[in-house]
Amino acid sequence: MKQRWAARLFVLALLALSASTAAAQGQQSSRDIRTGSELKQNYPNPFNPETRITFSVGGFPTCIDPNRQYRVTLKIFNLLTQLVAVPVLQGGGQPLENVFLTCGEYTAYWDGKVRGTNREAASGIYAYRLEVNGSPITRKMTIRK
C-alpha cells in the first residue's frame, strides 16, 4: 500500500515539476538527449473527446543513423498512476506499445476512451509517457467535458 501511494506522489510531483518548468521556459515539447527523442504537447489541449500527440525519435530531423530501430511505447495514465490507454500510431492504427520505429516524427491518436472499454475517460488531468529504448519523457494533458 505504501508503494502505491509513493508512486502516486511521485507522479504528482513529476507533473507539477514538468508543468512549472515548461511554463517558465515557454516549452511546447520535452526532449531526451540520450535517445534524441522529443515529446510535444498534445493537441488540442484541453480536449474532448479525442487528441493527437506528436513525438520524434532518433534526433529527427538530423538523423545520424536513419536505419536504426528504436523501441517505442506511449501510454496514458490517470493521476492514480493507473493505465488508461495506449494510443495508436496515426496512419497505421498500431498500438504504440513496444513498437520499433526508425528516426522520424510520428503522430499518435487517442480517441479518449478507456482501454478495453467503450467508456470515455473522465474529465481531469492525465499524464502521457513516451519511452524510447527505456528512456522516459512525461507530459500532462487535460480532458474537459
Protein backbone atom coordinates (compact mmCIF):
# COMPACT_ATOMS: atom_id res chain seq x y z
CA MET A 1 0.00 0.00 0.00
CA LYS A 2 2.86 2.39 0.85
CA GLN A 3 4.48 1.72 -2.54
CA ARG A 4 1.25 2.62 -4.36
CA TRP A 5 0.97 5.95 -2.51
CA ALA A 6 4.65 6.65 -3.08
CA ALA A 7 4.18 6.07 -6.82
CA ARG A 8 1.16 8.37 -6.88
CA LEU A 9 3.02 11.12 -5.06
CA PHE A 10 5.95 10.72 -7.44
CA VAL A 11 3.70 11.17 -10.49
CA LEU A 12 2.03 14.23 -8.95
CA ALA A 13 5.42 15.76 -8.15
CA LEU A 14 6.68 14.97 -11.65
CA LEU A 15 3.63 16.59 -13.23
CA ALA A 16 3.98 19.68 -11.05
CA LEU A 17 7.68 19.99 -11.85
CA SER A 18 7.25 19.48 -15.59
CA ALA A 19 4.38 21.97 -15.70
CA SER A 20 6.30 24.68 -13.85
CA THR A 21 9.48 24.09 -15.84
CA ALA A 22 7.67 24.13 -19.19
CA ALA A 23 5.69 27.23 -18.23
CA ALA A 24 8.82 29.03 -17.08
CA GLN A 25 10.66 28.21 -20.29
CA GLY A 26 7.64 28.52 -22.62
CA GLN A 27 8.28 25.00 -23.89
CA GLN A 28 5.81 23.10 -26.03
CA SER A 29 7.92 19.94 -26.01
CA SER A 30 10.26 17.89 -23.83
CA ARG A 31 13.49 16.26 -25.04
CA ASP A 32 15.66 13.32 -24.09
CA ILE A 33 19.23 13.85 -25.25
CA ARG A 34 20.22 10.19 -24.77
CA THR A 35 17.85 8.90 -27.47
CA GLY A 36 17.32 12.13 -29.39
CA SER A 37 13.59 11.81 -28.74
CA GLU A 38 11.12 14.64 -28.29
CA LEU A 39 7.59 14.60 -26.91
CA LYS A 40 5.37 17.51 -27.87
CA GLN A 41 2.25 18.82 -26.15
CA ASN A 42 -0.89 17.01 -27.24
CA TYR A 43 -3.33 18.98 -29.38
CA PRO A 44 -5.86 20.21 -28.79
CA ASN A 45 -5.28 20.65 -25.07
CA PRO A 46 -7.62 20.64 -23.24
CA PHE A 47 -9.57 18.26 -25.45
CA ASN A 48 -12.89 16.50 -25.80
CA PRO A 49 -13.22 13.74 -26.95
CA GLU A 50 -10.02 12.97 -28.90
CA THR A 51 -6.43 14.17 -29.16
CA ARG A 52 -3.18 13.72 -31.04
CA ILE A 53 0.35 13.51 -29.66
CA THR A 54 3.35 14.30 -31.84
CA PHE A 55 6.75 12.84 -30.99
CA SER A 56 10.06 12.21 -32.69
CA VAL A 57 12.83 9.67 -32.23
CA GLY A 58 16.47 9.42 -33.24
CA GLY A 59 17.28 13.14 -33.26
CA PHE A 60 14.89 13.95 -36.11
CA PRO A 61 15.32 15.91 -38.41
CA THR A 62 19.12 15.48 -38.33
CA CYS A 63 19.17 11.69 -38.19
CA ILE A 64 22.70 10.39 -37.72
CA ASP A 65 21.67 6.76 -38.35
CA PRO A 66 18.36 6.78 -40.28
CA ASN A 67 18.13 2.96 -40.33
CA ARG A 68 18.49 2.45 -36.56
CA GLN A 69 15.45 0.92 -34.86
CA TYR A 70 14.11 2.42 -31.59
CA ARG A 71 11.76 0.57 -29.23
CA VAL A 72 8.88 2.98 -28.56
CA THR A 73 5.99 2.86 -26.08
CA LEU A 74 3.43 5.60 -25.42
CA LYS A 75 0.93 5.22 -22.57
CA ILE A 76 -1.62 7.42 -20.86
CA PHE A 77 -2.13 7.30 -17.09
CA ASN A 78 -4.55 8.90 -14.66
CA LEU A 79 -3.27 10.66 -11.56
CA LEU A 80 -3.53 7.42 -9.60
CA THR A 81 -0.88 6.02 -11.97
CA GLN A 82 -3.40 3.58 -13.45
CA LEU A 83 -3.02 2.79 -17.14
CA VAL A 84 -5.89 4.42 -19.03
CA ALA A 85 -4.95 3.91 -22.68
CA VAL A 86 -2.29 3.12 -25.26
CA PRO A 87 -2.66 5.49 -28.23
CA VAL A 88 -2.34 4.20 -31.77
CA LEU A 89 0.10 5.30 -34.44
CA GLN A 90 -1.82 7.60 -36.76
CA GLY A 91 -1.96 6.27 -40.28
CA GLY A 92 -1.24 2.70 -39.20
CA GLY A 93 -3.60 2.06 -36.31
CA GLN A 94 -0.92 0.08 -34.46
CA PRO A 95 -0.96 0.45 -30.65
CA LEU A 96 2.23 2.18 -29.53
CA GLU A 97 3.46 -0.50 -27.17
CA ASN A 98 6.94 -1.92 -27.81
CA VAL A 99 6.87 -0.82 -31.45
CA PHE A 100 10.12 -0.49 -33.40
CA LEU A 101 10.39 2.80 -35.31
CA THR A 102 13.19 4.42 -37.29
CA CYS A 103 14.34 8.01 -36.93
CA GLY A 104 11.47 10.35 -37.72
CA GLU A 105 8.49 12.32 -36.50
CA TYR A 106 5.26 10.50 -35.69
CA THR A 107 1.75 11.29 -34.51
CA ALA A 108 -0.25 9.18 -32.08
CA TYR A 109 -4.04 9.27 -31.84
CA TRP A 110 -6.20 8.70 -28.75
CA ASP A 111 -9.98 8.56 -29.04
CA GLY A 112 -10.42 9.47 -25.36
CA LYS A 113 -11.72 6.05 -24.39
CA VAL A 114 -10.53 3.89 -21.52
CA ARG A 115 -8.52 0.88 -22.71
CA GLY A 116 -10.60 -2.26 -23.20
CA THR A 117 -13.93 -0.44 -22.83
CA ASN A 118 -16.18 1.79 -24.88
CA ARG A 119 -16.34 4.29 -22.00
CA GLU A 120 -14.92 7.79 -22.37
CA ALA A 121 -12.27 8.86 -19.87
CA ALA A 122 -13.50 11.28 -17.20
CA SER A 123 -12.66 14.96 -17.16
CA GLY A 124 -9.37 15.69 -15.46
CA ILE A 125 -5.61 15.75 -15.78
CA TYR A 126 -3.75 12.79 -17.26
CA ALA A 127 -0.07 12.02 -17.80
CA TYR A 128 1.28 10.62 -21.04
CA ARG A 129 4.63 8.91 -21.08
CA LEU A 130 6.84 8.22 -24.09
CA GLU A 131 9.55 5.62 -23.63
CA VAL A 132 12.24 5.32 -26.29
CA ASN A 133 14.72 2.49 -25.65
CA GLY A 134 13.75 2.64 -21.98
CA SER A 135 14.28 6.42 -21.56
CA PRO A 136 11.05 8.10 -20.45
CA ILE A 137 9.60 11.55 -21.12
CA THR A 138 6.35 12.54 -19.39
CA ARG A 139 3.92 15.37 -20.07
CA LYS A 140 0.40 16.16 -18.96
CA MET A 141 -2.90 16.71 -20.75
CA THR A 142 -6.39 17.78 -19.75
CA ILE A 143 -9.78 16.35 -20.71
CA ARG A 144 -12.58 18.86 -20.35
CA LYS A 145 -16.17 17.73 -20.92
